Amino acid sequence: KDIITRMDWAPANITPQILNFCRTINPEAEPVYLVVAPEPSCEANACFKCVQRKVEAEGGRIQFGWSIWEWPNVLLQAENHAVYEPQAGPTWRDITPGAKRRLFLTDSNALMLCTTSTAGSHEIPSGWH
């Protein structure tokens, strides 16, 4: 009855537990909430292809990182993700459909996972400290 979909997994708040989790992935970055504004030509779960097409068409660059998802009291997950950074500045835009908002952790090292055929993720039980 209470099925939780990926769209429901964006954490409601950035808690100390979430910050600790993010520091295990990239200790130099702080997670930020992004409002998702899908591009008409983008498909869900195709962020790398979608953002690459946007860069080719309009310039700018890909910012690699992680979507941070939470299933409260059960699981924290970091899913390999990419967002668009316009030429004009570092205001990231999440143009891939599938969520209304996303907690994003930047990580240039995530690039390596994006160039393989397997998507990367980190998971820990929610009770981890």
Protein backbone atom coordinates (compact mmCIF):
# COMPACT_ATOMS: atom_id res chain seq x y z
CA LYS A 1 0.00 0.00 0.00
CA ASP A 2 2.66 2.56 0.98
CA ILE A 3 4.98 2.12 -1.97
CA ILE A 4 7.84 4.61 -1.98
CA THR A 5 9.10 5.63 -5.40
CA ARG A 6 12.46 7.17 -6.16
CA MET A 7 10.73 10.56 -6.55
CA ASP A 8 9.79 10.42 -2.88
CA TRP A 9 13.33 9.75 -1.72
CA ALA A 10 14.77 13.31 -1.69
CA PRO A 11 15.51 13.96 2.00
CA ALA A 12 13.14 16.43 3.64
CA ASN A 13 16.04 18.04 5.52
CA ILE A 14 19.82 17.91 5.49
CA THR A 15 20.45 16.15 8.80
CA PRO A 16 23.79 15.47 10.51
CA GLN A 17 23.44 11.85 9.38
CA ILE A 18 23.09 12.94 5.75
CA LEU A 19 26.06 15.30 6.07
CA ASN A 20 28.18 12.48 7.51
CA PHE A 21 27.14 10.22 4.64
CA CYS A 22 28.03 12.92 2.08
CA ARG A 23 31.45 13.45 3.69
CA THR A 24 32.27 9.78 3.13
CA ILE A 25 31.75 10.40 -0.60
CA ASN A 26 33.23 13.89 -1.02
CA PRO A 27 34.50 15.55 2.16
CA GLU A 28 35.10 18.84 0.31
CA ALA A 29 31.51 19.46 -0.85
CA GLU A 30 28.21 20.30 0.81
CA PRO A 31 24.95 18.90 -0.58
CA VAL A 32 22.50 21.38 -2.10
CA TYR A 33 18.86 21.12 -3.07
CA LEU A 34 18.09 21.62 -6.75
CA VAL A 35 14.63 22.11 -8.20
CA VAL A 36 14.24 19.85 -11.22
CA ALA A 37 13.25 21.72 -14.40
CA PRO A 38 13.13 19.03 -17.09
CA GLU A 39 14.07 19.86 -20.66
CA PRO A 40 11.44 18.66 -23.17
CA SER A 41 13.97 16.47 -24.99
CA CYS A 42 15.24 14.75 -21.83
CA GLU A 43 14.29 11.28 -20.68
CA ALA A 44 14.17 10.06 -17.08
CA ASN A 45 17.29 8.18 -15.97
CA ALA A 46 19.35 9.60 -18.85
CA CYS A 47 21.05 12.53 -17.13
CA PHE A 48 24.47 12.09 -18.74
CA LYS A 49 23.12 11.93 -22.29
CA CYS A 50 20.65 14.73 -21.60
CA VAL A 51 23.21 17.13 -20.13
CA GLN A 52 25.78 16.29 -22.83
CA ARG A 53 23.24 17.23 -25.54
CA LYS A 54 22.52 20.51 -23.72
CA VAL A 55 26.24 21.34 -23.55
CA GLU A 56 26.69 20.56 -27.25
CA ALA A 57 23.72 22.76 -28.18
CA GLU A 58 24.24 25.73 -25.82
CA GLY A 59 27.72 25.51 -24.34
CA GLY A 60 28.32 25.34 -20.61
CA ARG A 61 29.51 22.15 -18.94
CA ILE A 62 28.49 18.98 -17.14
CA GLN A 63 28.79 18.95 -13.34
CA PHE A 64 29.14 15.38 -12.13
CA GLY A 65 28.11 14.26 -8.68
CA TRP A 66 25.52 12.31 -6.73
CA SER A 67 21.79 12.42 -6.07
CA ILE A 68 21.28 11.78 -2.37
CA TRP A 69 18.17 9.74 -1.65
CA GLU A 70 16.69 8.77 1.69
CA TRP A 71 14.20 6.14 2.68
CA PRO A 72 13.68 7.39 6.27
CA ASN A 73 14.93 5.03 8.98
CA VAL A 74 15.90 2.46 6.34
CA LEU A 75 18.45 3.63 3.75
CA LEU A 76 20.61 6.47 2.45
CA GLN A 77 21.75 6.19 -1.16
CA ALA A 78 24.00 8.21 -3.44
CA GLU A 79 23.24 7.69 -7.11
CA ASN A 80 25.62 8.85 -9.82
CA HIS A 81 24.12 11.97 -11.44
CA ALA A 82 24.95 14.94 -13.66
CA VAL A 83 23.52 18.45 -13.86
CA TYR A 84 23.97 21.32 -16.31
CA GLU A 85 26.09 24.39 -15.57
CA PRO A 86 25.41 27.26 -17.99
CA GLN A 87 28.30 29.26 -19.48
CA ALA A 88 27.24 32.29 -17.46
CA GLY A 89 27.98 30.77 -14.10
CA PRO A 90 27.92 28.08 -11.49
CA THR A 91 24.16 28.00 -10.96
CA TRP A 92 23.48 24.32 -11.60
CA ARG A 93 20.32 23.25 -13.39
CA ASP A 94 18.87 19.77 -13.03
CA ILE A 95 17.26 19.20 -16.41
CA THR A 96 16.54 15.46 -16.14
CA PRO A 97 12.93 14.47 -15.35
CA GLY A 98 12.04 12.02 -12.61
CA ALA A 99 11.93 14.03 -9.39
CA LYS A 100 10.54 17.38 -8.27
CA ARG A 101 13.63 18.25 -6.30
CA ARG A 102 16.96 16.59 -5.74
CA LEU A 103 19.66 16.76 -3.07
CA PHE A 104 22.86 16.99 -5.13
CA LEU A 105 26.44 16.45 -3.99
CA THR A 106 29.05 17.65 -6.46
CA ASP A 107 31.99 15.31 -7.06
CA SER A 108 34.33 15.57 -10.04
CA ASN A 109 35.56 12.04 -9.28
CA ALA A 110 32.08 10.77 -10.18
CA LEU A 111 33.12 11.35 -13.81
CA MET A 112 34.95 8.02 -13.83
CA LEU A 113 31.75 6.13 -13.03
CA CYS A 114 29.88 7.99 -15.74
CA THR A 115 32.23 6.82 -18.48
CA THR A 116 31.58 3.14 -17.81
CA SER A 117 28.52 1.12 -18.70
CA THR A 118 27.58 0.59 -15.05
CA ALA A 119 25.96 3.34 -12.97
CA GLY A 120 27.55 3.88 -9.59
CA SER A 121 25.96 4.16 -6.19
CA HIS A 122 26.79 4.18 -2.50
CA GLU A 123 24.33 2.85 0.08
CA ILE A 124 24.29 2.56 3.85
CA PRO A 125 21.62 1.56 6.35
CA SER A 126 19.89 4.66 7.67
CA GLY A 127 20.97 3.92 11.26
CA TRP A 128 24.65 4.41 10.34
CA HIS A 129 26.46 7.25 12.15
